[in-house]
Amino acid sequence: HVKTVERIIGFRSGTGGSSGASFLRQALDLTFFPELFAVRTGLTSK
């Protein structure tokens, strides 16, 4: 998705005033609902 945004809008501001592709790149490091990741990890490690 990040590459698509870079190709379409370049490095201009994104919708909603975000910083566009750089915002998406930074969002890759965010983890939402870490509890769900922990449960998934527990289920797949068996």
C-alpha atoms as a PDB file:
ATOM      1  CA  HIS A   1       0.000   0.000   0.000  1.00  0.00           C
ATOM      2  CA  VAL A   2       2.837   2.367   0.815  1.00  0.00           C
ATOM      3  CA  LYS A   3       4.399   1.878  -2.626  1.00  0.00           C
ATOM      4  CA  THR A   4       1.052   2.493  -4.319  1.00  0.00           C
ATOM      5  CA  VAL A   5       0.611   5.754  -2.417  1.00  0.00           C
ATOM      6  CA  GLU A   6       4.167   6.830  -3.273  1.00  0.00           C
ATOM      7  CA  ARG A   7       3.505   6.173  -6.958  1.00  0.00           C
ATOM      8  CA  ILE A   8       0.126   7.904  -7.049  1.00  0.00           C
ATOM      9  CA  ILE A   9       0.559  10.977  -4.836  1.00  0.00           C
ATOM     10  CA  GLY A  10       4.322  10.993  -4.380  1.00  0.00           C
ATOM     11  CA  PHE A  11       5.319  12.593  -1.122  1.00  0.00           C
ATOM     12  CA  ARG A  12       2.504  15.141  -0.999  1.00  0.00           C
ATOM     13  CA  SER A  13       0.060  15.326   1.896  1.00  0.00           C
ATOM     14  CA  GLY A  14      -2.454  12.532   2.100  1.00  0.00           C
ATOM     15  CA  THR A  15      -6.174  12.669   2.626  1.00  0.00           C
ATOM     16  CA  GLY A  16      -7.235  14.074   5.952  1.00  0.00           C
ATOM     17  CA  GLY A  17      -4.056  16.143   6.130  1.00  0.00           C
ATOM     18  CA  SER A  18      -1.761  13.207   6.911  1.00  0.00           C
ATOM     19  CA  SER A  19       1.817  13.285   5.692  1.00  0.00           C
ATOM     20  CA  GLY A  20       0.956  10.718   3.019  1.00  0.00           C
ATOM     21  CA  ALA A  21       3.402   7.910   2.328  1.00  0.00           C
ATOM     22  CA  SER A  22       5.647   8.782   5.264  1.00  0.00           C
ATOM     23  CA  PHE A  23       2.646   8.497   7.607  1.00  0.00           C
ATOM     24  CA  LEU A  24       1.882   5.033   6.236  1.00  0.00           C
ATOM     25  CA  ARG A  25       5.509   3.988   6.604  1.00  0.00           C
ATOM     26  CA  GLN A  26       5.510   5.082  10.269  1.00  0.00           C
ATOM     27  CA  ALA A  27       2.179   3.322  10.857  1.00  0.00           C
ATOM     28  CA  LEU A  28       3.822  -0.009   9.973  1.00  0.00           C
ATOM     29  CA  ASP A  29       5.541   0.078  13.363  1.00  0.00           C
ATOM     30  CA  LEU A  30       2.283   0.496  15.306  1.00  0.00           C
ATOM     31  CA  THR A  31       0.615  -2.503  16.917  1.00  0.00           C
ATOM     32  CA  PHE A  32      -3.078  -2.210  17.592  1.00  0.00           C
ATOM     33  CA  PHE A  33      -4.728  -4.682  19.942  1.00  0.00           C
ATOM     34  CA  PRO A  34      -1.534  -6.402  21.154  1.00  0.00           C
ATOM     35  CA  GLU A  35      -3.683  -8.863  23.114  1.00  0.00           C
ATOM     36  CA  LEU A  36      -5.036 -10.273  19.851  1.00  0.00           C
ATOM     37  CA  PHE A  37      -1.510 -10.781  18.534  1.00  0.00           C
ATOM     38  CA  ALA A  38      -0.577 -12.569  21.764  1.00  0.00           C
ATOM     39  CA  VAL A  39      -3.581 -14.903  21.499  1.00  0.00           C
ATOM     40  CA  ARG A  40      -2.844 -15.624  17.844  1.00  0.00           C
ATOM     41  CA  THR A  41       0.776 -16.394  18.675  1.00  0.00           C
ATOM     42  CA  GLY A  42      -0.338 -18.742  21.447  1.00  0.00           C
ATOM     43  CA  LEU A  43      -2.744 -20.549  19.153  1.00  0.00           C
ATOM     44  CA  THR A  44      -0.249 -21.050  16.344  1.00  0.00           C
ATOM     45  CA  SER A  45       2.659 -22.174  18.532  1.00  0.00           C
ATOM     46  CA  LYS A  46       0.905 -25.425  19.510  1.00  0.00           C
END
